[in-house]
């Protein structure tokens, strides 16, 4: 992404600039709420190159973070799906009518009467 496009985004987010002082030709780019007295490379950046390097580093960090977040989200969805399946199985078992024993016809015992 070109510097101008990124700077537009940063400006909307509250970043500010300070004009170059002395012999310097590089603007100073300040994060919202920071001054030139804060830490260089963390709170403010001198020149477009320094700012772009920082933004690229942040973007790479965000990409790694998003990959981890996506993996976590996927695992949560899988776990939730498995829990729901188990709940359905339990629910089906609880509401199922009791199994009936198969009735076999009773054997008739033949009784022979003795003739005595």
Protein backbone atom coordinates (compact mmCIF):
# COMPACT_ATOMS: atom_id res chain seq x y z
CA UNK A 1 0.00 0.00 0.00
CA UNK A 2 1.37 3.44 -0.88
CA UNK A 3 2.35 5.88 1.84
CA UNK A 4 -0.36 8.42 1.01
CA UNK A 5 -3.12 5.84 1.31
CA UNK A 6 -1.77 4.56 4.62
CA UNK A 7 -1.31 8.09 5.94
CA UNK A 8 -4.96 8.87 5.15
CA UNK A 9 -5.99 5.90 7.29
CA UNK A 10 -3.67 6.92 10.12
CA UNK A 11 -4.87 10.51 10.03
CA UNK A 12 -8.47 9.32 10.40
CA UNK A 13 -7.31 7.31 13.43
CA UNK A 14 -5.91 10.46 15.07
CA UNK A 15 -2.22 10.44 14.06
CA UNK A 16 -0.56 13.87 13.61
CA UNK A 17 2.57 15.30 11.96
CA UNK A 18 5.17 17.86 12.92
CA UNK A 19 7.12 19.83 10.33
CA UNK A 20 10.84 19.14 9.99
CA UNK A 21 13.10 21.30 12.14
CA UNK A 22 16.56 22.58 11.31
CA UNK A 23 18.31 20.86 8.43
CA UNK A 24 16.04 17.80 8.48
CA UNK A 25 13.63 17.26 5.60
CA UNK A 26 11.67 14.44 7.24
CA UNK A 27 8.32 15.00 8.91
CA UNK A 28 7.72 13.51 12.36
CA UNK A 29 4.67 11.25 12.57
CA UNK A 30 3.04 10.98 16.01
CA UNK A 31 0.63 8.37 17.34
CA UNK A 32 -2.54 9.77 18.91
CA UNK A 33 -1.84 11.39 22.28
CA UNK A 34 1.98 11.29 21.98
CA UNK A 35 4.63 14.00 21.59
CA UNK A 36 8.19 14.23 20.29
CA UNK A 37 9.35 13.73 23.89
CA UNK A 38 8.13 10.12 23.86
CA UNK A 39 10.04 7.07 22.56
CA UNK A 40 11.19 7.21 18.93
CA UNK A 41 10.22 4.13 16.93
CA UNK A 42 7.40 3.36 19.35
CA UNK A 43 5.40 6.55 19.94
CA UNK A 44 6.65 8.67 17.04
CA UNK A 45 8.52 8.12 13.78
CA UNK A 46 10.84 10.38 11.80
CA UNK A 47 10.38 10.06 8.05
CA UNK A 48 8.15 8.02 5.80
CA UNK A 49 10.57 5.08 5.67
CA UNK A 50 10.65 4.65 9.45
CA UNK A 51 6.87 4.90 9.66
CA UNK A 52 6.31 2.44 6.81
CA UNK A 53 8.76 -0.06 8.36
CA UNK A 54 6.82 0.14 11.63
CA UNK A 55 3.48 -0.29 9.86
CA UNK A 56 4.78 -3.31 7.92
CA UNK A 57 5.98 -4.86 11.18
CA UNK A 58 2.61 -4.23 12.80
CA UNK A 59 0.84 -5.69 9.76
CA UNK A 60 2.96 -8.86 9.91
CA UNK A 61 2.24 -9.15 13.61
CA UNK A 62 -1.45 -8.70 12.95
CA UNK A 63 -1.35 -11.37 10.23
CA UNK A 64 0.21 -13.85 12.64
CA UNK A 65 -2.31 -12.86 15.28
CA UNK A 66 -5.19 -13.27 12.84
CA UNK A 67 -3.94 -16.72 11.82
CA UNK A 68 -3.87 -17.76 15.49
CA UNK A 69 -7.27 -16.22 16.05
CA UNK A 70 -8.73 -18.04 13.04
CA UNK A 71 -7.31 -21.36 14.27
CA UNK A 72 -8.73 -20.74 17.75
CA UNK A 73 -12.13 -19.83 16.29
CA UNK A 74 -12.15 -22.98 14.13
CA UNK A 75 -11.29 -25.18 17.11
CA UNK A 76 -14.05 -23.55 19.17
CA UNK A 77 -16.57 -24.19 16.39
CA UNK A 78 -15.54 -27.84 16.13
CA UNK A 79 -15.77 -28.29 19.89
CA UNK A 80 -19.20 -26.64 20.00
CA UNK A 81 -20.39 -28.85 17.16
CA UNK A 82 -19.23 -31.99 18.99
CA UNK A 83 -20.92 -30.86 22.20
CA UNK A 84 -24.20 -30.31 20.36
CA UNK A 85 -23.97 -33.76 18.76
CA UNK A 86 -23.41 -35.34 22.16
CA UNK A 87 -26.36 -33.42 23.63
CA UNK A 88 -28.60 -34.62 20.81
CA UNK A 89 -27.52 -38.21 21.38
CA UNK A 90 -28.20 -37.93 25.11
CA UNK A 91 -31.53 -36.25 24.45
CA UNK A 92 -32.57 -38.98 22.02
CA UNK A 93 -31.63 -41.67 24.53
CA UNK A 94 -33.55 -40.00 27.35
CA UNK A 95 -36.71 -39.48 25.32
CA UNK A 96 -36.69 -42.82 23.56
CA UNK A 97 -39.38 -45.25 24.72
CA UNK A 98 -38.04 -48.12 26.80
CA UNK A 99 -37.09 -51.13 24.82
CA UNK A 100 -39.56 -53.97 24.96
CA UNK A 101 -38.41 -57.43 25.52
CA UNK A 102 -39.30 -59.62 22.68
CA UNK A 103 -41.89 -62.03 23.89
CA UNK A 104 -41.40 -65.53 22.88
CA UNK A 105 -44.39 -67.74 22.91
CA UNK A 106 -44.52 -69.86 26.00
CA UNK A 107 -43.71 -73.43 25.44
CA UNK A 108 -46.50 -75.66 26.27
CA UNK A 109 -45.50 -78.57 28.27
CA UNK A 110 -47.36 -81.56 27.23
CA UNK A 111 -48.68 -83.41 30.18
CA UNK A 112 -49.63 -86.85 29.67
CA UNK A 113 -52.13 -88.06 32.02
CA UNK A 114 -51.36 -91.32 33.34
CA UNK A 115 -54.11 -93.81 33.44
CA UNK A 116 -53.91 -95.35 36.75
